[in-house]
Amino acid sequence: MRSLREALGQFATGVAVITTATGEGDRAGVTVNSFTSVSLDPPLVLWCLSNRAPSAPVFLRAGRFAVNVLAAGQDHLSRRFATPSPDKFAGVDLLSAAPLPILAGTLATFVCRTERVHDGGDHHIFVGAVEGFQRTEGEPLVFHSGRYREFWPEMTMDGAA
């Protein structure tokens, strides 16, 4: 199992925090690198969540979620939402707290309605219909081989940046 995990870790990914809230006020957030576009017409995205995640019941009940694509330098947010805590949102800058928590300073945010949830072995596969999005310029937070990585500026043929 460990060697399979290491082999899968050779695929560099972006990092996102998926957030949600229920009508009763329960909030949840989780760090993922399993986010991808499924379709442009209709606009659909997907992400995966462990069946054992403490936040799984909240995501399954909520019916909506936001994908917050992290920027370089936001690894503190990735770690915060990857670590169990009674209130992962305490002290986090939010653009919006309701109806969904939206993190400030991210590269992109996608607000989605849960279209379907599929069984994926030890994970739930959430497919979301994109209802709205926003984006900004910047460098992404990248994860590869168990570590956060940074992009290097493009180099010209003479070595100047």
N, C-alpha and C. Protein backbone atom coordinates (compact mmCIF):
# COMPACT_ATOMS: atom_id res chain seq x y z
N MET A 1 0.82 -1.18 0.00
CA MET A 1 0.00 0.00 0.00
C MET A 1 0.87 1.26 0.00
N ARG A 2 1.94 1.26 0.79
CA ARG A 2 2.83 2.43 0.87
C ARG A 2 3.49 2.71 -0.48
N SER A 3 3.93 1.65 -1.17
CA SER A 3 4.60 1.87 -2.46
C SER A 3 3.61 2.37 -3.50
N LEU A 4 2.35 1.93 -3.45
CA LEU A 4 1.34 2.45 -4.36
C LEU A 4 1.12 3.93 -4.09
N ARG A 5 1.04 4.30 -2.82
CA ARG A 5 0.85 5.71 -2.45
C ARG A 5 2.02 6.56 -2.96
N GLU A 6 3.25 6.05 -2.83
CA GLU A 6 4.43 6.78 -3.31
C GLU A 6 4.41 6.92 -4.82
N ALA A 7 3.99 5.87 -5.53
CA ALA A 7 3.90 5.94 -6.99
C ALA A 7 2.84 6.96 -7.41
N LEU A 8 1.69 6.96 -6.76
CA LEU A 8 0.64 7.93 -7.07
C LEU A 8 1.11 9.36 -6.77
N GLY A 9 1.97 9.51 -5.76
CA GLY A 9 2.49 10.82 -5.39
C GLY A 9 3.41 11.43 -6.42
N GLN A 10 3.80 10.67 -7.43
CA GLN A 10 4.63 11.21 -8.50
C GLN A 10 3.84 12.11 -9.45
N PHE A 11 2.51 12.07 -9.35
CA PHE A 11 1.68 12.95 -10.15
C PHE A 11 1.49 14.24 -9.39
N ALA A 12 2.07 15.33 -9.90
CA ALA A 12 1.95 16.63 -9.24
C ALA A 12 0.52 17.13 -9.37
N THR A 13 -0.01 17.68 -8.29
CA THR A 13 -1.39 18.18 -8.29
C THR A 13 -1.45 19.57 -7.68
N GLY A 14 -2.51 20.26 -7.99
CA GLY A 14 -2.84 21.47 -7.28
C GLY A 14 -3.45 21.08 -5.95
N VAL A 15 -3.70 22.06 -5.12
CA VAL A 15 -4.28 21.81 -3.79
C VAL A 15 -5.50 22.72 -3.63
N ALA A 16 -6.58 22.14 -3.13
CA ALA A 16 -7.81 22.90 -2.91
C ALA A 16 -8.36 22.59 -1.53
N VAL A 17 -9.13 23.52 -1.01
CA VAL A 17 -9.89 23.29 0.21
C VAL A 17 -11.36 23.32 -0.20
N ILE A 18 -12.05 22.24 0.10
CA ILE A 18 -13.48 22.16 -0.18
C ILE A 18 -14.20 22.56 1.11
N THR A 19 -15.14 23.49 1.00
CA THR A 19 -15.88 23.96 2.17
C THR A 19 -17.38 23.78 1.94
N THR A 20 -18.10 23.66 3.02
CA THR A 20 -19.55 23.53 2.94
C THR A 20 -20.18 24.00 4.22
N ALA A 21 -21.49 24.16 4.17
CA ALA A 21 -22.29 24.49 5.36
C ALA A 21 -23.70 23.97 5.13
N THR A 22 -24.31 23.51 6.20
CA THR A 22 -25.70 23.05 6.12
C THR A 22 -26.63 24.19 6.52
N GLY A 23 -27.91 24.02 6.25
CA GLY A 23 -28.90 25.00 6.67
C GLY A 23 -28.98 25.17 8.17
N GLU A 24 -28.54 24.13 8.90
CA GLU A 24 -28.55 24.18 10.37
C GLU A 24 -27.31 24.87 10.94
N GLY A 25 -26.38 25.27 10.05
CA GLY A 25 -25.19 25.98 10.50
C GLY A 25 -23.96 25.13 10.72
N ASP A 26 -24.03 23.82 10.43
CA ASP A 26 -22.82 22.99 10.52
C ASP A 26 -21.91 23.33 9.35
N ARG A 27 -20.62 23.56 9.65
CA ARG A 27 -19.64 23.87 8.60
C ARG A 27 -18.58 22.79 8.58
N ALA A 28 -18.01 22.59 7.40
CA ALA A 28 -16.91 21.64 7.26
C ALA A 28 -15.97 22.14 6.17
N GLY A 29 -14.72 21.75 6.30
CA GLY A 29 -13.72 22.06 5.29
C GLY A 29 -12.67 20.97 5.29
N VAL A 30 -12.18 20.65 4.11
CA VAL A 30 -11.20 19.58 3.97
C VAL A 30 -10.25 19.90 2.82
N THR A 31 -8.98 19.59 3.00
CA THR A 31 -7.98 19.76 1.95
C THR A 31 -8.02 18.56 1.01
N VAL A 32 -7.98 18.83 -0.29
CA VAL A 32 -7.96 17.76 -1.29
C VAL A 32 -6.98 18.08 -2.40
N ASN A 33 -6.50 17.04 -3.04
CA ASN A 33 -5.76 17.21 -4.30
C ASN A 33 -6.45 16.38 -5.38
N SER A 34 -7.69 15.97 -5.09
CA SER A 34 -8.45 15.12 -6.01
C SER A 34 -9.53 15.91 -6.74
N PHE A 35 -9.28 17.18 -7.04
CA PHE A 35 -10.24 18.03 -7.72
C PHE A 35 -9.95 18.04 -9.23
N THR A 36 -11.00 17.93 -10.05
CA THR A 36 -10.81 18.00 -11.49
C THR A 36 -12.08 18.45 -12.19
N SER A 37 -11.91 18.98 -13.38
CA SER A 37 -13.03 19.31 -14.24
C SER A 37 -13.54 18.03 -14.88
N VAL A 38 -14.86 17.89 -14.98
CA VAL A 38 -15.48 16.74 -15.63
C VAL A 38 -16.05 17.14 -16.97
N SER A 39 -16.73 18.29 -17.02
CA SER A 39 -17.44 18.71 -18.23
C SER A 39 -17.56 20.23 -18.25
N LEU A 40 -17.49 20.81 -19.45
CA LEU A 40 -17.73 22.25 -19.59
C LEU A 40 -19.20 22.53 -19.94
N ASP A 41 -19.87 21.56 -20.56
CA ASP A 41 -21.26 21.73 -20.96
C ASP A 41 -22.04 20.46 -20.70
N PRO A 42 -22.69 20.33 -19.55
CA PRO A 42 -22.83 21.34 -18.50
C PRO A 42 -21.55 21.41 -17.65
N PRO A 43 -21.34 22.54 -16.96
CA PRO A 43 -20.13 22.66 -16.14
C PRO A 43 -20.20 21.78 -14.90
N LEU A 44 -19.34 20.76 -14.86
CA LEU A 44 -19.29 19.81 -13.76
C LEU A 44 -17.85 19.64 -13.29
N VAL A 45 -17.67 19.49 -11.97
CA VAL A 45 -16.36 19.19 -11.39
C VAL A 45 -16.53 18.01 -10.45
N LEU A 46 -15.40 17.41 -10.06
CA LEU A 46 -15.48 16.35 -9.05
C LEU A 46 -14.33 16.44 -8.09
N TRP A 47 -14.56 15.84 -6.93
CA TRP A 47 -13.52 15.71 -5.90
C TRP A 47 -13.87 14.50 -5.06
N CYS A 48 -12.89 14.01 -4.31
CA CYS A 48 -13.08 12.78 -3.53
C CYS A 48 -12.83 13.04 -2.05
N LEU A 49 -13.61 12.32 -1.21
CA LEU A 49 -13.51 12.45 0.24
C LEU A 49 -13.54 11.07 0.86
N SER A 50 -12.62 10.80 1.76
CA SER A 50 -12.58 9.51 2.45
C SER A 50 -13.91 9.23 3.15
N ASN A 51 -14.36 8.00 3.05
CA ASN A 51 -15.57 7.58 3.76
C ASN A 51 -15.42 7.75 5.27
N ARG A 52 -14.18 7.71 5.76
CA ARG A 52 -13.92 7.80 7.21
C ARG A 52 -13.72 9.23 7.69
N ALA A 53 -13.74 10.20 6.78
CA ALA A 53 -13.52 11.60 7.19
C ALA A 53 -14.62 12.04 8.15
N PRO A 54 -14.26 12.66 9.27
CA PRO A 54 -15.27 13.15 10.21
C PRO A 54 -16.26 14.12 9.56
N SER A 55 -15.83 14.82 8.51
CA SER A 55 -16.70 15.80 7.84
C SER A 55 -17.61 15.17 6.79
N ALA A 56 -17.46 13.89 6.49
CA ALA A 56 -18.26 13.26 5.43
C ALA A 56 -19.76 13.44 5.64
N PRO A 57 -20.30 13.22 6.85
CA PRO A 57 -21.75 13.39 7.02
C PRO A 57 -22.23 14.81 6.70
N VAL A 58 -21.41 15.83 7.02
CA VAL A 58 -21.80 17.21 6.75
C VAL A 58 -21.83 17.45 5.24
N PHE A 59 -20.79 17.00 4.52
CA PHE A 59 -20.76 17.17 3.07
C PHE A 59 -21.91 16.42 2.40
N LEU A 60 -22.24 15.24 2.89
CA LEU A 60 -23.33 14.45 2.31
C LEU A 60 -24.69 15.12 2.54
N ARG A 61 -24.87 15.79 3.68
CA ARG A 61 -26.14 16.47 4.00
C ARG A 61 -26.28 17.82 3.33
N ALA A 62 -25.19 18.53 3.14
CA ALA A 62 -25.24 19.95 2.76
C ALA A 62 -25.85 20.19 1.38
N GLY A 63 -25.51 19.37 0.41
CA GLY A 63 -26.06 19.56 -0.93
C GLY A 63 -25.36 20.61 -1.76
N ARG A 64 -24.40 21.32 -1.19
CA ARG A 64 -23.63 22.34 -1.90
C ARG A 64 -22.22 22.35 -1.33
N PHE A 65 -21.28 22.83 -2.12
CA PHE A 65 -19.91 22.97 -1.65
C PHE A 65 -19.21 24.04 -2.47
N ALA A 66 -18.09 24.53 -1.94
CA ALA A 66 -17.23 25.47 -2.65
C ALA A 66 -15.84 24.85 -2.75
N VAL A 67 -15.25 24.97 -3.93
CA VAL A 67 -13.88 24.53 -4.16
C VAL A 67 -13.02 25.79 -4.14
N ASN A 68 -12.08 25.85 -3.20
CA ASN A 68 -11.17 26.99 -3.05
C ASN A 68 -9.78 26.54 -3.50
N VAL A 69 -9.34 26.97 -4.69
CA VAL A 69 -8.05 26.56 -5.24
C VAL A 69 -6.96 27.42 -4.60
N LEU A 70 -6.04 26.77 -3.88
CA LEU A 70 -5.04 27.51 -3.10
C LEU A 70 -3.91 28.05 -3.96
N ALA A 71 -3.42 29.21 -3.55
CA ALA A 71 -2.30 29.88 -4.20
C ALA A 71 -1.00 29.49 -3.50
N ALA A 72 0.11 29.68 -4.21
CA ALA A 72 1.43 29.48 -3.59
C ALA A 72 1.47 30.31 -2.31
N GLY A 73 2.04 29.75 -1.26
CA GLY A 73 2.12 30.45 0.02
C GLY A 73 0.93 30.20 0.92
N GLN A 74 -0.08 29.46 0.45
CA GLN A 74 -1.23 29.15 1.29
C GLN A 74 -1.17 27.73 1.85
N ASP A 75 0.05 27.18 1.96
CA ASP A 75 0.18 25.84 2.51
C ASP A 75 -0.30 25.79 3.97
N HIS A 76 -0.28 26.93 4.68
CA HIS A 76 -0.83 26.96 6.05
C HIS A 76 -2.33 26.62 6.04
N LEU A 77 -3.06 27.08 5.01
CA LEU A 77 -4.48 26.73 4.90
C LEU A 77 -4.66 25.26 4.56
N SER A 78 -3.79 24.75 3.69
CA SER A 78 -3.85 23.33 3.34
C SER A 78 -3.65 22.49 4.60
N ARG A 79 -2.65 22.81 5.39
CA ARG A 79 -2.39 22.05 6.62
C ARG A 79 -3.54 22.18 7.62
N ARG A 80 -4.06 23.38 7.76
CA ARG A 80 -5.15 23.62 8.72
C ARG A 80 -6.36 22.75 8.39
N PHE A 81 -6.76 22.71 7.12
CA PHE A 81 -7.96 21.97 6.74
C PHE A 81 -7.70 20.48 6.54
N ALA A 82 -6.43 20.08 6.62
CA ALA A 82 -6.09 18.65 6.56
C ALA A 82 -5.97 18.04 7.95
N THR A 83 -6.00 18.89 8.98
CA THR A 83 -5.79 18.45 10.36
C THR A 83 -7.10 18.51 11.13
N PRO A 84 -7.44 17.44 11.86
CA PRO A 84 -8.67 17.49 12.67
C PRO A 84 -8.63 18.65 13.68
N SER A 85 -9.77 19.35 13.79
CA SER A 85 -9.87 20.49 14.70
C SER A 85 -11.35 20.75 14.96
N PRO A 86 -11.69 21.20 16.17
CA PRO A 86 -13.10 21.49 16.47
C PRO A 86 -13.67 22.61 15.58
N ASP A 87 -12.84 23.62 15.22
CA ASP A 87 -13.29 24.69 14.33
C ASP A 87 -12.16 25.09 13.40
N LYS A 88 -12.12 24.46 12.24
CA LYS A 88 -11.06 24.74 11.26
C LYS A 88 -11.12 26.16 10.73
N PHE A 89 -12.27 26.82 10.87
CA PHE A 89 -12.46 28.16 10.30
C PHE A 89 -12.04 29.27 11.27
N ALA A 90 -11.75 28.95 12.52
CA ALA A 90 -11.37 29.97 13.51
C ALA A 90 -10.13 30.73 13.05
N GLY A 91 -10.26 32.05 12.92
CA GLY A 91 -9.13 32.89 12.54
C GLY A 91 -8.79 32.89 11.06
N VAL A 92 -9.58 32.22 10.23
CA VAL A 92 -9.33 32.16 8.79
C VAL A 92 -10.07 33.31 8.11
N ASP A 93 -9.37 34.04 7.22
CA ASP A 93 -10.00 35.12 6.47
C ASP A 93 -10.95 34.54 5.44
N LEU A 94 -12.21 34.97 5.50
CA LEU A 94 -13.23 34.50 4.57
C LEU A 94 -13.73 35.67 3.73
N LEU A 95 -13.95 35.42 2.45
CA LEU A 95 -14.62 36.39 1.60
C LEU A 95 -16.11 36.40 1.91
N SER A 96 -16.60 35.22 2.24
CA SER A 96 -18.01 35.05 2.55
C SER A 96 -18.14 33.92 3.55
N ALA A 97 -19.07 34.07 4.49
CA ALA A 97 -19.31 33.01 5.47
C ALA A 97 -20.61 32.30 5.19
N ALA A 98 -21.52 32.94 4.45
CA ALA A 98 -22.82 32.33 4.18
C ALA A 98 -23.24 32.64 2.75
N PRO A 99 -23.90 31.77 2.06
CA PRO A 99 -24.34 30.48 2.57
C PRO A 99 -23.21 29.46 2.65
N LEU A 100 -22.12 29.67 1.89
CA LEU A 100 -20.95 28.78 1.96
C LEU A 100 -19.74 29.56 2.42
N PRO A 101 -18.87 28.95 3.22
CA PRO A 101 -17.61 29.62 3.56
C PRO A 101 -16.69 29.65 2.33
N ILE A 102 -16.26 30.86 1.96
CA ILE A 102 -15.35 31.05 0.83
C ILE A 102 -14.06 31.65 1.38
N LEU A 103 -12.93 30.98 1.13
CA LEU A 103 -11.64 31.44 1.65
C LEU A 103 -11.13 32.64 0.86
N ALA A 104 -10.50 33.57 1.54
CA ALA A 104 -9.91 34.75 0.92
C ALA A 104 -8.54 34.41 0.34
N GLY A 105 -8.18 35.11 -0.74
CA GLY A 105 -6.83 35.03 -1.30
C GLY A 105 -6.55 33.82 -2.17
N THR A 106 -7.57 33.07 -2.55
CA THR A 106 -7.35 31.88 -3.37
C THR A 106 -7.26 32.26 -4.85
N LEU A 107 -6.75 31.35 -5.67
CA LEU A 107 -6.63 31.59 -7.10
C LEU A 107 -7.97 31.49 -7.81
N ALA A 108 -8.81 30.59 -7.35
CA ALA A 108 -10.14 30.41 -7.96
C ALA A 108 -11.07 29.80 -6.93
N THR A 109 -12.35 30.09 -7.10
CA THR A 109 -13.39 29.49 -6.26
C THR A 109 -14.53 29.06 -7.17
N PHE A 110 -15.03 27.86 -6.93
CA PHE A 110 -16.16 27.32 -7.67
C PHE A 110 -17.26 27.00 -6.66
N VAL A 111 -18.41 27.60 -6.81
CA VAL A 111 -19.56 27.31 -5.96
C VAL A 111 -20.41 26.29 -6.70
N CYS A 112 -20.68 25.17 -6.03
CA CYS A 112 -21.31 24.04 -6.71
C CYS A 112 -22.48 23.47 -5.93
N ARG A 113 -23.43 22.94 -6.67
CA ARG A 113 -24.52 22.14 -6.12
C ARG A 113 -24.12 20.69 -6.30
N THR A 114 -24.26 19.89 -5.26
CA THR A 114 -23.92 18.47 -5.37
C THR A 114 -24.90 17.81 -6.33
N GLU A 115 -24.37 17.36 -7.45
CA GLU A 115 -25.17 16.72 -8.49
C GLU A 115 -25.36 15.23 -8.19
N ARG A 116 -24.24 14.58 -7.83
CA ARG A 116 -24.25 13.15 -7.52
C ARG A 116 -23.11 12.85 -6.56
N VAL A 117 -23.29 11.76 -5.82
CA VAL A 117 -22.22 11.21 -5.00
C VAL A 117 -22.12 9.74 -5.36
N HIS A 118 -20.93 9.32 -5.79
CA HIS A 118 -20.70 7.93 -6.20
C HIS A 118 -19.85 7.22 -5.15
N ASP A 119 -20.04 5.92 -5.05
CA ASP A 119 -19.17 5.08 -4.23
C ASP A 119 -17.87 4.90 -4.99
N GLY A 120 -16.77 5.15 -4.33
CA GLY A 120 -15.46 4.98 -4.94
C GLY A 120 -14.54 4.20 -4.02
N GLY A 121 -14.93 2.99 -3.66
CA GLY A 121 -14.12 2.19 -2.75
C GLY A 121 -14.13 2.79 -1.37
N ASP A 122 -12.97 3.25 -0.90
CA ASP A 122 -12.91 3.85 0.44
C ASP A 122 -13.16 5.35 0.40
N HIS A 123 -13.65 5.87 -0.72
CA HIS A 123 -13.96 7.30 -0.86
C HIS A 123 -15.35 7.52 -1.45
N HIS A 124 -15.90 8.70 -1.15
CA HIS A 124 -17.08 9.22 -1.83
C HIS A 124 -16.55 10.07 -2.99
N ILE A 125 -17.15 9.97 -4.16
CA ILE A 125 -16.80 10.81 -5.30
C ILE A 125 -17.95 11.80 -5.49
N PHE A 126 -17.67 13.07 -5.19
CA PHE A 126 -18.68 14.13 -5.31
C PHE A 126 -18.58 14.75 -6.70
N VAL A 127 -19.69 14.79 -7.41
CA VAL A 127 -19.78 15.50 -8.69
C VAL A 127 -20.65 16.72 -8.44
N GLY A 128 -20.12 17.89 -8.78
CA GLY A 128 -20.83 19.13 -8.53
C GLY A 128 -21.12 19.90 -9.79
N ALA A 129 -22.31 20.48 -9.87
CA ALA A 129 -22.69 21.38 -10.95
C ALA A 129 -22.23 22.78 -10.56
N VAL A 130 -21.37 23.38 -11.38
CA VAL A 130 -20.82 24.71 -11.07
C VAL A 130 -21.92 25.75 -11.26
N GLU A 131 -22.23 26.47 -10.20
CA GLU A 131 -23.25 27.53 -10.23
C GLU A 131 -22.64 28.92 -10.34
N GLY A 132 -21.38 29.05 -9.96
CA GLY A 132 -20.67 30.32 -10.03
C GLY A 132 -19.19 30.10 -9.78
N PHE A 133 -18.38 31.04 -10.25
CA PHE A 133 -16.94 30.92 -10.04
C PHE A 133 -16.31 32.30 -10.12
N GLN A 134 -15.09 32.38 -9.58
CA GLN A 134 -14.26 33.58 -9.71
C GLN A 134 -12.82 33.13 -9.77
N ARG A 135 -11.97 33.96 -10.38
CA ARG A 135 -10.56 33.63 -10.49
C ARG A 135 -9.71 34.89 -10.40
N THR A 136 -8.45 34.70 -9.98
CA THR A 136 -7.47 35.77 -9.96
C THR A 136 -6.17 35.22 -10.54
N GLU A 137 -5.23 36.09 -10.79
CA GLU A 137 -3.92 35.68 -11.30
C GLU A 137 -3.03 35.30 -10.12
N GLY A 138 -2.05 34.46 -10.38
CA GLY A 138 -1.10 34.08 -9.35
C GLY A 138 -0.57 32.69 -9.60
N GLU A 139 0.34 32.27 -8.75
CA GLU A 139 0.94 30.95 -8.85
C GLU A 139 0.18 29.98 -7.95
N PRO A 140 0.01 28.73 -8.39
CA PRO A 140 -0.72 27.76 -7.59
C PRO A 140 0.14 27.10 -6.52
N LEU A 141 -0.53 26.61 -5.49
CA LEU A 141 0.12 25.72 -4.52
C LEU A 141 0.13 24.34 -5.16
N VAL A 142 1.30 23.71 -5.20
CA VAL A 142 1.47 22.41 -5.86
C VAL A 142 1.95 21.39 -4.84
N PHE A 143 1.47 20.17 -4.99
CA PHE A 143 1.86 19.07 -4.12
C PHE A 143 2.44 17.95 -4.97
N HIS A 144 3.64 17.49 -4.62
CA HIS A 144 4.29 16.42 -5.36
C HIS A 144 5.17 15.61 -4.42
N SER A 145 5.02 14.30 -4.48
CA SER A 145 5.90 13.40 -3.73
C SER A 145 5.89 13.71 -2.23
N GLY A 146 4.69 14.05 -1.71
CA GLY A 146 4.55 14.27 -0.27
C GLY A 146 4.98 15.63 0.22
N ARG A 147 5.26 16.58 -0.70
CA ARG A 147 5.73 17.91 -0.29
C ARG A 147 5.07 18.99 -1.12
N TYR A 148 4.97 20.20 -0.54
CA TYR A 148 4.53 21.36 -1.30
C TYR A 148 5.69 21.81 -2.17
N ARG A 149 5.36 22.27 -3.36
CA ARG A 149 6.39 22.70 -4.32
C ARG A 149 6.07 24.09 -4.85
N GLU A 150 7.08 24.74 -5.40
CA GLU A 150 6.90 26.05 -6.03
C GLU A 150 7.36 25.98 -7.47
N PHE A 151 6.74 26.82 -8.31
CA PHE A 151 7.18 26.95 -9.69
C PHE A 151 8.38 27.89 -9.72
N TRP A 152 9.24 27.69 -10.68
CA TRP A 152 10.36 28.59 -10.90
C TRP A 152 9.98 29.51 -12.05
N PRO A 153 10.44 30.77 -12.04
CA PRO A 153 10.12 31.67 -13.16
C PRO A 153 10.66 31.07 -14.46
N GLU A 154 9.96 31.39 -15.56
CA GLU A 154 10.44 30.91 -16.86
C GLU A 154 11.80 31.49 -17.15
N MET A 155 12.65 30.68 -17.72
CA MET A 155 13.99 31.12 -18.07
C MET A 155 14.09 31.28 -19.58
N THR A 156 14.82 32.29 -20.02
CA THR A 156 15.09 32.46 -21.45
C THR A 156 16.29 31.59 -21.79
N MET A 157 16.57 31.47 -23.04
CA MET A 157 17.69 30.63 -23.49
C MET A 157 19.03 31.12 -22.94
N ASP A 158 19.17 32.43 -22.66
CA ASP A 158 20.44 32.94 -22.13
C ASP A 158 20.50 32.86 -20.61
N GLY A 159 19.46 32.28 -19.98
CA GLY A 159 19.47 32.10 -18.53
C GLY A 159 18.85 33.23 -17.74
N ALA A 160 18.47 34.33 -18.40
CA ALA A 160 17.86 35.45 -17.70
C ALA A 160 16.39 35.16 -17.44
N ALA A 161 15.92 35.60 -16.30
CA ALA A 161 14.50 35.39 -15.97
C ALA A 161 13.64 36.42 -16.66
